[in-house]
């Protein structure tokens, strides 16, 4: 998270376009423009919280549907 934050700060300072890439299951996506930065977030792939009372989960942005399902139904 700290590394990503530093990249974002530098890119903002120099007005460099950025496109994040998480688990790759987006219905829409962006392509890095020439001279832009593609930020690979696939290592941010953890299931952080399961709340069965309020029916929600908290995950990091790089988790895939397959990994999520495997962790929810081992």
PDB file of N, CA and C in Angstrom:
ATOM      1  N   UNK A   1       0.824  -1.191   0.000  1.00  0.00           N
ATOM      2  CA  UNK A   1       0.000   0.000   0.000  1.00  0.00           C
ATOM      3  C   UNK A   1       0.869   1.256   0.000  1.00  0.00           C
ATOM      4  N   UNK A   2       1.951   1.234   0.762  1.00  0.00           N
ATOM      5  CA  UNK A   2       2.847   2.389   0.798  1.00  0.00           C
ATOM      6  C   UNK A   2       3.514   2.611  -0.553  1.00  0.00           C
ATOM      7  N   UNK A   3       3.900   1.520  -1.220  1.00  0.00           N
ATOM      8  CA  UNK A   3       4.530   1.647  -2.537  1.00  0.00           C
ATOM      9  C   UNK A   3       3.566   2.262  -3.543  1.00  0.00           C
ATOM     10  N   UNK A   4       2.331   1.807  -3.522  1.00  0.00           N
ATOM     11  CA  UNK A   4       1.319   2.348  -4.438  1.00  0.00           C
ATOM     12  C   UNK A   4       1.102   3.825  -4.156  1.00  0.00           C
ATOM     13  N   UNK A   5       1.045   4.181  -2.891  1.00  0.00           N
ATOM     14  CA  UNK A   5       0.857   5.583  -2.514  1.00  0.00           C
ATOM     15  C   UNK A   5       1.987   6.456  -3.053  1.00  0.00           C
ATOM     16  N   UNK A   6       3.210   5.985  -2.967  1.00  0.00           N
ATOM     17  CA  UNK A   6       4.350   6.753  -3.481  1.00  0.00           C
ATOM     18  C   UNK A   6       4.279   6.911  -4.996  1.00  0.00           C
ATOM     19  N   UNK A   7       3.892   5.848  -5.690  1.00  0.00           N
ATOM     20  CA  UNK A   7       3.749   5.920  -7.150  1.00  0.00           C
ATOM     21  C   UNK A   7       2.696   6.956  -7.526  1.00  0.00           C
ATOM     22  N   UNK A   8       1.575   6.930  -6.823  1.00  0.00           N
ATOM     23  CA  UNK A   8       0.492   7.877  -7.108  1.00  0.00           C
ATOM     24  C   UNK A   8       0.954   9.311  -6.864  1.00  0.00           C
ATOM     25  N   UNK A   9       1.676   9.543  -5.783  1.00  0.00           N
ATOM     26  CA  UNK A   9       2.182  10.893  -5.495  1.00  0.00           C
ATOM     27  C   UNK A   9       3.098  11.395  -6.608  1.00  0.00           C
ATOM     28  N   UNK A  10       4.019  10.544  -7.047  1.00  0.00           N
ATOM     29  CA  UNK A  10       4.956  10.942  -8.104  1.00  0.00           C
ATOM     30  C   UNK A  10       4.215  11.176  -9.415  1.00  0.00           C
ATOM     31  N   UNK A  11       3.301  10.272  -9.751  1.00  0.00           N
ATOM     32  CA  UNK A  11       2.538  10.422 -10.994  1.00  0.00           C
ATOM     33  C   UNK A  11       1.715  11.707 -10.973  1.00  0.00           C
ATOM     34  N   UNK A  12       1.101  12.009  -9.844  1.00  0.00           N
ATOM     35  CA  UNK A  12       0.331  13.253  -9.730  1.00  0.00           C
ATOM     36  C   UNK A  12       1.229  14.475  -9.861  1.00  0.00           C
ATOM     37  N   UNK A  13       2.384  14.422  -9.233  1.00  0.00           N
ATOM     38  CA  UNK A  13       3.317  15.553  -9.280  1.00  0.00           C
ATOM     39  C   UNK A  13       3.722  15.872 -10.714  1.00  0.00           C
ATOM     40  N   UNK A  14       3.985  14.819 -11.505  1.00  0.00           N
ATOM     41  CA  UNK A  14       4.450  15.013 -12.878  1.00  0.00           C
ATOM     42  C   UNK A  14       3.331  14.873 -13.911  1.00  0.00           C
ATOM     43  N   UNK A  15       2.083  14.774 -13.427  1.00  0.00           N
ATOM     44  CA  UNK A  15       0.901  14.679 -14.296  1.00  0.00           C
ATOM     45  C   UNK A  15       0.998  13.500 -15.276  1.00  0.00           C
ATOM     46  N   UNK A  16       1.425  12.365 -14.749  1.00  0.00           N
ATOM     47  CA  UNK A  16       1.537  11.137 -15.536  1.00  0.00           C
ATOM     48  C   UNK A  16       0.239  10.354 -15.358  1.00  0.00           C
ATOM     49  N   UNK A  17      -0.430   9.978 -16.459  1.00  0.00           N
ATOM     50  CA  UNK A  17      -1.678   9.213 -16.323  1.00  0.00           C
ATOM     51  C   UNK A  17      -1.417   7.822 -15.743  1.00  0.00           C
ATOM     52  N   UNK A  18      -2.375   7.339 -14.935  1.00  0.00           N
ATOM     53  CA  UNK A  18      -2.258   6.029 -14.303  1.00  0.00           C
ATOM     54  C   UNK A  18      -3.510   5.203 -14.570  1.00  0.00           C
ATOM     55  N   UNK A  19      -3.319   3.902 -14.694  1.00  0.00           N
ATOM     56  CA  UNK A  19      -4.432   2.964 -14.811  1.00  0.00           C
ATOM     57  C   UNK A  19      -4.158   1.824 -13.837  1.00  0.00           C
ATOM     58  N   UNK A  20      -5.065   1.570 -12.869  1.00  0.00           N
ATOM     59  CA  UNK A  20      -4.864   0.445 -11.956  1.00  0.00           C
ATOM     60  C   UNK A  20      -5.331  -0.859 -12.589  1.00  0.00           C
ATOM     61  N   UNK A  21      -4.651  -1.949 -12.245  1.00  0.00           N
ATOM     62  CA  UNK A  21      -5.096  -3.273 -12.664  1.00  0.00           C
ATOM     63  C   UNK A  21      -5.162  -4.139 -11.424  1.00  0.00           C
ATOM     64  N   UNK A  22      -6.370  -4.604 -11.111  1.00  0.00           N
ATOM     65  CA  UNK A  22      -6.569  -5.455  -9.943  1.00  0.00           C
ATOM     66  C   UNK A  22      -6.616  -6.911 -10.343  1.00  0.00           C
ATOM     67  N   UNK A  23      -7.733  -7.551 -10.054  1.00  0.00           N
ATOM     68  CA  UNK A  23      -7.883  -8.976 -10.339  1.00  0.00           C
ATOM     69  C   UNK A  23      -8.153  -9.301 -11.789  1.00  0.00           C
ATOM     70  N   UNK A  24      -8.393  -8.314 -12.615  1.00  0.00           N
ATOM     71  CA  UNK A  24      -8.597  -8.539 -14.040  1.00  0.00           C
ATOM     72  C   UNK A  24      -9.986  -9.020 -14.400  1.00  0.00           C
ATOM     73  N   UNK A  25     -10.957  -8.831 -13.518  1.00  0.00           N
ATOM     74  CA  UNK A  25     -12.310  -9.306 -13.786  1.00  0.00           C
ATOM     75  C   UNK A  25     -13.277  -8.156 -14.020  1.00  0.00           C
ATOM     76  N   UNK A  26     -12.763  -7.003 -14.351  1.00  0.00           N
ATOM     77  CA  UNK A  26     -13.616  -5.833 -14.555  1.00  0.00           C
ATOM     78  C   UNK A  26     -14.535  -6.018 -15.756  1.00  0.00           C
ATOM     79  N   UNK A  27     -15.691  -5.418 -15.664  1.00  0.00           N
ATOM     80  CA  UNK A  27     -16.568  -5.363 -16.827  1.00  0.00           C
ATOM     81  C   UNK A  27     -16.097  -4.280 -17.782  1.00  0.00           C
ATOM     82  N   UNK A  28     -15.426  -3.307 -17.228  1.00  0.00           N
ATOM     83  CA  UNK A  28     -14.814  -2.249 -18.029  1.00  0.00           C
ATOM     84  C   UNK A  28     -13.366  -2.143 -17.588  1.00  0.00           C
ATOM     85  N   UNK A  29     -12.558  -1.563 -18.418  1.00  0.00           N
ATOM     86  CA  UNK A  29     -11.158  -1.423 -18.051  1.00  0.00           C
ATOM     87  C   UNK A  29     -10.551  -0.266 -18.781  1.00  0.00           C
ATOM     88  N   UNK A  30      -9.408   0.108 -18.358  1.00  0.00           N
ATOM     89  CA  UNK A  30      -8.713   1.201 -19.003  1.00  0.00           C
ATOM     90  C   UNK A  30      -7.391   0.720 -19.547  1.00  0.00           C
ATOM     91  N   UNK A  31      -6.963   1.351 -20.584  1.00  0.00           N
ATOM     92  CA  UNK A  31      -5.660   1.033 -21.155  1.00  0.00           C
ATOM     93  C   UNK A  31      -4.722   2.184 -20.844  1.00  0.00           C
ATOM     94  N   UNK A  32      -3.510   1.844 -20.478  1.00  0.00           N
ATOM     95  CA  UNK A  32      -2.528   2.886 -20.195  1.00  0.00           C
ATOM     96  C   UNK A  32      -2.244   3.658 -21.471  1.00  0.00           C
ATOM     97  N   UNK A  33      -2.227   4.953 -21.339  1.00  0.00           N
ATOM     98  CA  UNK A  33      -1.911   5.790 -22.484  1.00  0.00           C
ATOM     99  C   UNK A  33      -0.408   5.808 -22.682  1.00  0.00           C
ATOM    100  N   UNK A  34       0.009   6.227 -23.853  1.00  0.00           N
ATOM    101  CA  UNK A  34       1.440   6.317 -24.111  1.00  0.00           C
ATOM    102  C   UNK A  34       2.055   7.247 -23.072  1.00  0.00           C
ATOM    103  N   UNK A  35       3.103   6.786 -22.422  1.00  0.00           N
ATOM    104  CA  UNK A  35       3.738   7.573 -21.381  1.00  0.00           C
ATOM    105  C   UNK A  35       3.071   7.445 -20.031  1.00  0.00           C
ATOM    106  N   UNK A  36       2.072   6.566 -19.925  1.00  0.00           N
ATOM    107  CA  UNK A  36       1.355   6.380 -18.671  1.00  0.00           C
ATOM    108  C   UNK A  36       1.915   5.230 -17.864  1.00  0.00           C
ATOM    109  N   UNK A  37       1.319   5.019 -16.706  1.00  0.00           N
ATOM    110  CA  UNK A  37       1.740   3.967 -15.788  1.00  0.00           C
ATOM    111  C   UNK A  37       0.579   3.005 -15.572  1.00  0.00           C
ATOM    112  N   UNK A  38       0.842   1.713 -15.737  1.00  0.00           N
ATOM    113  CA  UNK A  38      -0.111   0.675 -15.372  1.00  0.00           C
ATOM    114  C   UNK A  38       0.319   0.162 -14.003  1.00  0.00           C
ATOM    115  N   UNK A  39      -0.530   0.313 -13.003  1.00  0.00           N
ATOM    116  CA  UNK A  39      -0.196  -0.103 -11.645  1.00  0.00           C
ATOM    117  C   UNK A  39      -0.793  -1.484 -11.407  1.00  0.00           C
ATOM    118  N   UNK A  40       0.081  -2.486 -11.258  1.00  0.00           N
ATOM    119  CA  UNK A  40      -0.340  -3.867 -11.046  1.00  0.00           C
ATOM    120  C   UNK A  40      -0.643  -4.075  -9.564  1.00  0.00           C
ATOM    121  N   UNK A  41      -1.900  -4.333  -9.257  1.00  0.00           N
ATOM    122  CA  UNK A  41      -2.340  -4.499  -7.874  1.00  0.00           C
ATOM    123  C   UNK A  41      -2.676  -5.956  -7.552  1.00  0.00           C
ATOM    124  N   UNK A  42      -2.236  -6.891  -8.386  1.00  0.00           N
ATOM    125  CA  UNK A  42      -2.627  -8.291  -8.218  1.00  0.00           C
ATOM    126  C   UNK A  42      -2.102  -8.914  -6.928  1.00  0.00           C
ATOM    127  N   UNK A  43      -1.038  -8.373  -6.345  1.00  0.00           N
ATOM    128  CA  UNK A  43      -0.547  -8.929  -5.079  1.00  0.00           C
ATOM    129  C   UNK A  43      -1.362  -8.445  -3.883  1.00  0.00           C
ATOM    130  N   UNK A  44      -2.242  -7.479  -4.113  1.00  0.00           N
ATOM    131  CA  UNK A  44      -3.159  -7.039  -3.048  1.00  0.00           C
ATOM    132  C   UNK A  44      -4.418  -7.902  -3.185  1.00  0.00           C
ATOM    133  N   UNK A  45      -4.323  -9.154  -2.747  1.00  0.00           N
ATOM    134  CA  UNK A  45      -5.344 -10.149  -3.072  1.00  0.00           C
ATOM    135  C   UNK A  45      -5.908 -10.885  -1.857  1.00  0.00           C
ATOM    136  N   UNK A  46      -6.000 -10.201  -0.751  1.00  0.00           N
ATOM    137  CA  UNK A  46      -6.458 -10.869   0.471  1.00  0.00           C
ATOM    138  C   UNK A  46      -7.937 -10.614   0.767  1.00  0.00           C
ATOM    139  N   UNK A  47      -8.546 -11.618   1.373  1.00  0.00           N
ATOM    140  CA  UNK A  47      -9.887 -11.485   1.947  1.00  0.00           C
ATOM    141  C   UNK A  47      -9.682 -10.959   3.362  1.00  0.00           C
ATOM    142  N   UNK A  48     -10.159  -9.761   3.649  1.00  0.00           N
ATOM    143  CA  UNK A  48      -9.872  -9.092   4.915  1.00  0.00           C
ATOM    144  C   UNK A  48     -10.940  -9.303   5.982  1.00  0.00           C
ATOM    145  N   UNK A  49     -12.187  -9.383   5.566  1.00  0.00           N
ATOM    146  CA  UNK A  49     -13.269  -9.466   6.560  1.00  0.00           C
ATOM    147  C   UNK A  49     -14.489 -10.142   5.955  1.00  0.00           C
ATOM    148  N   UNK A  50     -15.122 -10.977   6.765  1.00  0.00           N
ATOM    149  CA  UNK A  50     -16.417 -11.558   6.417  1.00  0.00           C
ATOM    150  C   UNK A  50     -17.394 -11.153   7.513  1.00  0.00           C
ATOM    151  N   UNK A  51     -18.449 -10.443   7.154  1.00  0.00           N
ATOM    152  CA  UNK A  51     -19.456 -10.022   8.124  1.00  0.00           C
ATOM    153  C   UNK A  51     -20.753 -10.756   7.798  1.00  0.00           C
ATOM    154  N   UNK A  52     -21.036 -11.789   8.590  1.00  0.00           N
ATOM    155  CA  UNK A  52     -22.235 -12.590   8.334  1.00  0.00           C
ATOM    156  C   UNK A  52     -23.502 -11.945   8.886  1.00  0.00           C
ATOM    157  N   UNK A  53     -23.345 -11.001   9.803  1.00  0.00           N
ATOM    158  CA  UNK A  53     -24.518 -10.307  10.345  1.00  0.00           C
ATOM    159  C   UNK A  53     -25.105  -9.327   9.331  1.00  0.00           C
ATOM    160  N   UNK A  54     -24.237  -8.569   8.687  1.00  0.00           N
ATOM    161  CA  UNK A  54     -24.693  -7.558   7.728  1.00  0.00           C
ATOM    162  C   UNK A  54     -24.478  -7.983   6.275  1.00  0.00           C
ATOM    163  N   UNK A  55     -24.010  -9.201   6.058  1.00  0.00           N
ATOM    164  CA  UNK A  55     -23.867  -9.789   4.724  1.00  0.00           C
ATOM    165  C   UNK A  55     -22.951  -8.989   3.799  1.00  0.00           C
ATOM    166  N   UNK A  56     -21.717  -8.788   4.234  1.00  0.00           N
ATOM    167  CA  UNK A  56     -20.737  -8.178   3.335  1.00  0.00           C
ATOM    168  C   UNK A  56     -19.357  -8.750   3.618  1.00  0.00           C
ATOM    169  N   UNK A  57     -18.488  -8.583   2.653  1.00  0.00           N
ATOM    170  CA  UNK A  57     -17.090  -8.955   2.806  1.00  0.00           C
ATOM    171  C   UNK A  57     -16.233  -7.756   2.419  1.00  0.00           C
ATOM    172  N   UNK A  58     -15.020  -7.745   2.922  1.00  0.00           N
ATOM    173  CA  UNK A  58     -14.051  -6.719   2.559  1.00  0.00           C
ATOM    174  C   UNK A  58     -12.854  -7.440   1.957  1.00  0.00           C
ATOM    175  N   UNK A  59     -12.483  -7.051   0.746  1.00  0.00           N
ATOM    176  CA  UNK A  59     -11.357  -7.668   0.056  1.00  0.00           C
ATOM    177  C   UNK A  59     -10.414  -6.591  -0.466  1.00  0.00           C
ATOM    178  N   UNK A  60      -9.191  -6.987  -0.742  1.00  0.00           N
ATOM    179  CA  UNK A  60      -8.263  -6.089  -1.417  1.00  0.00           C
ATOM    180  C   UNK A  60      -8.576  -6.100  -2.908  1.00  0.00           C
ATOM    181  N   UNK A  61      -8.108  -5.091  -3.594  1.00  0.00           N
ATOM    182  CA  UNK A  61      -8.518  -4.859  -4.983  1.00  0.00           C
ATOM    183  C   UNK A  61      -7.969  -5.867  -5.985  1.00  0.00           C
ATOM    184  N   UNK A  62      -6.978  -6.663  -5.629  1.00  0.00           N
ATOM    185  CA  UNK A  62      -6.398  -7.592  -6.588  1.00  0.00           C
ATOM    186  C   UNK A  62      -6.928  -9.007  -6.513  1.00  0.00           C
ATOM    187  N   UNK A  63      -7.878  -9.267  -5.625  1.00  0.00           N
ATOM    188  CA  UNK A  63      -8.395 -10.628  -5.486  1.00  0.00           C
ATOM    189  C   UNK A  63      -9.214 -11.002  -6.722  1.00  0.00           C
ATOM    190  N   UNK A  64      -9.105 -12.249  -7.132  1.00  0.00           N
ATOM    191  CA  UNK A  64      -9.900 -12.729  -8.264  1.00  0.00           C
ATOM    192  C   UNK A  64     -11.154 -13.412  -7.731  1.00  0.00           C
ATOM    193  N   UNK A  65     -12.153 -13.543  -8.609  1.00  0.00           N
ATOM    194  CA  UNK A  65     -13.384 -14.224  -8.192  1.00  0.00           C
ATOM    195  C   UNK A  65     -13.082 -15.660  -7.797  1.00  0.00           C
ATOM    196  N   UNK A  66     -12.213 -16.322  -8.540  1.00  0.00           N
ATOM    197  CA  UNK A  66     -11.866 -17.707  -8.230  1.00  0.00           C
ATOM    198  C   UNK A  66     -11.246 -17.855  -6.855  1.00  0.00           C
ATOM    199  N   UNK A  67     -10.303 -16.976  -6.532  1.00  0.00           N
ATOM    200  CA  UNK A  67      -9.671 -17.019  -5.213  1.00  0.00           C
ATOM    201  C   UNK A  67     -10.669 -16.698  -4.107  1.00  0.00           C
ATOM    202  N   UNK A  68     -11.543 -15.743  -4.364  1.00  0.00           N
ATOM    203  CA  UNK A  68     -12.551 -15.378  -3.369  1.00  0.00           C
ATOM    204  C   UNK A  68     -13.490 -16.547  -3.092  1.00  0.00           C
ATOM    205  N   UNK A  69     -13.987 -17.163  -4.133  1.00  0.00           N
ATOM    206  CA  UNK A  69     -14.897 -18.304  -3.966  1.00  0.00           C
ATOM    207  C   UNK A  69     -14.189 -19.440  -3.236  1.00  0.00           C
ATOM    208  N   UNK A  70     -12.921 -19.698  -3.580  1.00  0.00           N
ATOM    209  CA  UNK A  70     -12.163 -20.757  -2.908  1.00  0.00           C
ATOM    210  C   UNK A  70     -12.015 -20.491  -1.416  1.00  0.00           C
ATOM    211  N   UNK A  71     -11.829 -19.229  -1.045  1.00  0.00           N
ATOM    212  CA  UNK A  71     -11.678 -18.891   0.367  1.00  0.00           C
ATOM    213  C   UNK A  71     -13.013 -18.914   1.106  1.00  0.00           C
ATOM    214  N   UNK A  72     -14.087 -18.593   0.418  1.00  0.00           N
ATOM    215  CA  UNK A  72     -15.403 -18.611   1.052  1.00  0.00           C
ATOM    216  C   UNK A  72     -15.961 -20.021   1.177  1.00  0.00           C
ATOM    217  N   UNK A  73     -15.607 -20.891   0.245  1.00  0.00           N
ATOM    218  CA  UNK A  73     -16.086 -22.284   0.232  1.00  0.00           C
ATOM    219  C   UNK A  73     -14.894 -23.218   0.075  1.00  0.00           C
ATOM    220  N   UNK A  74     -14.111 -23.408   1.155  1.00  0.00           N
ATOM    221  CA  UNK A  74     -12.898 -24.250   1.047  1.00  0.00           C
ATOM    222  C   UNK A  74     -13.207 -25.707   0.777  1.00  0.00           C
TER     223      UNK A  74
END
